[in-house]
């Protein structure tokens, strides 16, 4: 019996259970079921050469390399359009690979230093 508010999903037409892992950050119950409750984080210092920041779920990185995601985002002037394009490219790539995953991306264009 899980407390109210927790949800375990099951993969459609498969006999194995799946977890909604994108909602498990900081979730001690999910951690007890085998999910990592602590997010993986990396801190870097931005330089004057950095122009695009992409924050995305693992589904994006399973489908696209870092450089390919940046190439796609750089083709757009709108961060919203760039985000949609990165997500769509990742979904297409995952489909070609016979994989499925949740895919979320937020693209931010960093200001050009003066």
C-alpha atoms as a PDB file:
ATOM      1  CA  UNK A   1       0.000   0.000   0.000  1.00  0.00           C
ATOM      2  CA  UNK A   2       1.468   3.301  -1.092  1.00  0.00           C
ATOM      3  CA  UNK A   3       0.639   6.597   0.591  1.00  0.00           C
ATOM      4  CA  UNK A   4      -1.735   8.921  -1.249  1.00  0.00           C
ATOM      5  CA  UNK A   5       0.018  10.938  -3.927  1.00  0.00           C
ATOM      6  CA  UNK A   6       2.398   8.212  -5.067  1.00  0.00           C
ATOM      7  CA  UNK A   7       1.935   6.558  -8.415  1.00  0.00           C
ATOM      8  CA  UNK A   8       3.490   3.478  -9.950  1.00  0.00           C
ATOM      9  CA  UNK A   9       2.871   3.017 -13.644  1.00  0.00           C
ATOM     10  CA  UNK A  10       2.959  -0.190 -15.627  1.00  0.00           C
ATOM     11  CA  UNK A  11       4.320  -0.460 -19.132  1.00  0.00           C
ATOM     12  CA  UNK A  12       1.482  -1.068 -21.538  1.00  0.00           C
ATOM     13  CA  UNK A  13       1.207  -4.672 -22.733  1.00  0.00           C
ATOM     14  CA  UNK A  14       4.293  -5.732 -20.772  1.00  0.00           C
ATOM     15  CA  UNK A  15       4.556  -7.884 -17.702  1.00  0.00           C
ATOM     16  CA  UNK A  16       7.093  -5.664 -15.923  1.00  0.00           C
ATOM     17  CA  UNK A  17       6.296  -2.664 -13.765  1.00  0.00           C
ATOM     18  CA  UNK A  18       7.723   0.756 -14.496  1.00  0.00           C
ATOM     19  CA  UNK A  19       8.153   3.796 -12.287  1.00  0.00           C
ATOM     20  CA  UNK A  20       7.496   7.430 -13.065  1.00  0.00           C
ATOM     21  CA  UNK A  21      11.136   8.247 -12.372  1.00  0.00           C
ATOM     22  CA  UNK A  22      10.967  11.874 -13.489  1.00  0.00           C
ATOM     23  CA  UNK A  23       8.892  12.536 -10.409  1.00  0.00           C
ATOM     24  CA  UNK A  24      11.265  10.752  -8.030  1.00  0.00           C
ATOM     25  CA  UNK A  25      13.801  13.524  -7.352  1.00  0.00           C
ATOM     26  CA  UNK A  26      13.876  13.849  -3.576  1.00  0.00           C
ATOM     27  CA  UNK A  27      11.251  11.104  -3.261  1.00  0.00           C
ATOM     28  CA  UNK A  28      12.316   8.808  -0.438  1.00  0.00           C
ATOM     29  CA  UNK A  29       9.613   6.228  -1.244  1.00  0.00           C
ATOM     30  CA  UNK A  30      10.819   5.971  -4.845  1.00  0.00           C
ATOM     31  CA  UNK A  31      14.352   5.706  -3.477  1.00  0.00           C
ATOM     32  CA  UNK A  32      13.290   2.712  -1.380  1.00  0.00           C
ATOM     33  CA  UNK A  33      12.056   1.092  -4.609  1.00  0.00           C
ATOM     34  CA  UNK A  34      15.416   1.534  -6.333  1.00  0.00           C
ATOM     35  CA  UNK A  35      15.195   5.004  -7.907  1.00  0.00           C
ATOM     36  CA  UNK A  36      17.877   7.550  -7.203  1.00  0.00           C
ATOM     37  CA  UNK A  37      16.251  10.269  -5.127  1.00  0.00           C
ATOM     38  CA  UNK A  38      19.199  12.659  -5.501  1.00  0.00           C
ATOM     39  CA  UNK A  39      19.527  14.444  -8.837  1.00  0.00           C
ATOM     40  CA  UNK A  40      22.764  14.198 -10.786  1.00  0.00           C
ATOM     41  CA  UNK A  41      24.145  17.715 -11.012  1.00  0.00           C
ATOM     42  CA  UNK A  42      27.187  19.363 -12.528  1.00  0.00           C
ATOM     43  CA  UNK A  43      28.348  22.871 -11.812  1.00  0.00           C
ATOM     44  CA  UNK A  44      30.421  24.668 -14.438  1.00  0.00           C
ATOM     45  CA  UNK A  45      31.505  28.237 -14.888  1.00  0.00           C
ATOM     46  CA  UNK A  46      30.091  29.804 -18.032  1.00  0.00           C
ATOM     47  CA  UNK A  47      32.472  31.565 -20.363  1.00  0.00           C
ATOM     48  CA  UNK A  48      31.954  34.323 -22.915  1.00  0.00           C
ATOM     49  CA  UNK A  49      31.798  31.597 -25.615  1.00  0.00           C
ATOM     50  CA  UNK A  50      28.733  29.892 -24.086  1.00  0.00           C
ATOM     51  CA  UNK A  51      25.550  30.885 -25.943  1.00  0.00           C
ATOM     52  CA  UNK A  52      23.004  28.087 -25.415  1.00  0.00           C
ATOM     53  CA  UNK A  53      21.957  26.232 -22.275  1.00  0.00           C
ATOM     54  CA  UNK A  54      19.828  23.092 -22.586  1.00  0.00           C
ATOM     55  CA  UNK A  55      18.289  21.499 -19.494  1.00  0.00           C
ATOM     56  CA  UNK A  56      16.689  18.215 -20.493  1.00  0.00           C
ATOM     57  CA  UNK A  57      15.512  14.832 -19.306  1.00  0.00           C
ATOM     58  CA  UNK A  58      17.589  11.743 -19.968  1.00  0.00           C
ATOM     59  CA  UNK A  59      15.359  10.856 -22.917  1.00  0.00           C
ATOM     60  CA  UNK A  60      16.839  13.766 -24.860  1.00  0.00           C
ATOM     61  CA  UNK A  61      20.395  12.633 -24.140  1.00  0.00           C
ATOM     62  CA  UNK A  62      19.549   9.014 -24.975  1.00  0.00           C
ATOM     63  CA  UNK A  63      18.440  10.198 -28.410  1.00  0.00           C
ATOM     64  CA  UNK A  64      20.844  13.052 -29.158  1.00  0.00           C
ATOM     65  CA  UNK A  65      24.478  13.833 -28.527  1.00  0.00           C
ATOM     66  CA  UNK A  66      25.293  17.088 -26.768  1.00  0.00           C
ATOM     67  CA  UNK A  67      26.666  18.586 -29.967  1.00  0.00           C
ATOM     68  CA  UNK A  68      23.626  17.541 -32.030  1.00  0.00           C
ATOM     69  CA  UNK A  69      21.231  19.083 -29.500  1.00  0.00           C
ATOM     70  CA  UNK A  70      23.199  22.355 -29.640  1.00  0.00           C
ATOM     71  CA  UNK A  71      23.260  22.278 -33.461  1.00  0.00           C
ATOM     72  CA  UNK A  72      19.473  21.904 -33.543  1.00  0.00           C
ATOM     73  CA  UNK A  73      18.850  24.635 -30.956  1.00  0.00           C
ATOM     74  CA  UNK A  74      21.202  27.040 -32.741  1.00  0.00           C
ATOM     75  CA  UNK A  75      18.998  26.960 -35.851  1.00  0.00           C
ATOM     76  CA  UNK A  76      16.261  28.916 -34.036  1.00  0.00           C
ATOM     77  CA  UNK A  77      15.845  32.459 -32.714  1.00  0.00           C
ATOM     78  CA  UNK A  78      13.057  31.522 -30.295  1.00  0.00           C
ATOM     79  CA  UNK A  79      13.907  29.447 -27.218  1.00  0.00           C
ATOM     80  CA  UNK A  80      10.424  27.889 -27.347  1.00  0.00           C
ATOM     81  CA  UNK A  81      10.889  26.812 -30.977  1.00  0.00           C
ATOM     82  CA  UNK A  82      14.373  25.505 -30.188  1.00  0.00           C
ATOM     83  CA  UNK A  83      13.007  23.500 -27.254  1.00  0.00           C
ATOM     84  CA  UNK A  84      10.304  21.937 -29.446  1.00  0.00           C
ATOM     85  CA  UNK A  85      12.848  21.111 -32.156  1.00  0.00           C
ATOM     86  CA  UNK A  86      15.212  19.413 -29.694  1.00  0.00           C
ATOM     87  CA  UNK A  87      12.351  17.366 -28.230  1.00  0.00           C
ATOM     88  CA  UNK A  88      11.062  16.353 -31.674  1.00  0.00           C
ATOM     89  CA  UNK A  89      14.543  15.355 -32.873  1.00  0.00           C
ATOM     90  CA  UNK A  90      15.112  13.289 -29.725  1.00  0.00           C
ATOM     91  CA  UNK A  91      11.748  11.538 -30.137  1.00  0.00           C
ATOM     92  CA  UNK A  92      12.516  10.740 -33.791  1.00  0.00           C
ATOM     93  CA  UNK A  93      15.940   9.384 -32.849  1.00  0.00           C
ATOM     94  CA  UNK A  94      14.543   7.253 -30.018  1.00  0.00           C
ATOM     95  CA  UNK A  95      11.908   5.854 -32.368  1.00  0.00           C
ATOM     96  CA  UNK A  96      14.592   4.913 -34.930  1.00  0.00           C
ATOM     97  CA  UNK A  97      16.515   3.187 -32.140  1.00  0.00           C
ATOM     98  CA  UNK A  98      13.390   1.282 -31.058  1.00  0.00           C
ATOM     99  CA  UNK A  99      13.403   3.030 -27.693  1.00  0.00           C
ATOM    100  CA  UNK A 100      10.798   4.976 -25.787  1.00  0.00           C
ATOM    101  CA  UNK A 101      11.307   7.500 -23.021  1.00  0.00           C
ATOM    102  CA  UNK A 102       9.926  10.692 -21.597  1.00  0.00           C
ATOM    103  CA  UNK A 103      11.470  13.665 -23.356  1.00  0.00           C
ATOM    104  CA  UNK A 104      11.576  17.202 -21.965  1.00  0.00           C
ATOM    105  CA  UNK A 105      13.884  20.055 -22.916  1.00  0.00           C
ATOM    106  CA  UNK A 106      14.209  23.708 -21.967  1.00  0.00           C
ATOM    107  CA  UNK A 107      16.487  25.787 -24.178  1.00  0.00           C
ATOM    108  CA  UNK A 108      17.813  29.145 -23.036  1.00  0.00           C
ATOM    109  CA  UNK A 109      19.799  31.538 -25.192  1.00  0.00           C
ATOM    110  CA  UNK A 110      22.433  33.189 -23.023  1.00  0.00           C
ATOM    111  CA  UNK A 111      23.113  36.907 -23.385  1.00  0.00           C
ATOM    112  CA  UNK A 112      26.102  37.983 -25.452  1.00  0.00           C
ATOM    113  CA  UNK A 113      28.649  39.742 -23.238  1.00  0.00           C
ATOM    114  CA  UNK A 114      29.464  43.351 -24.162  1.00  0.00           C
END
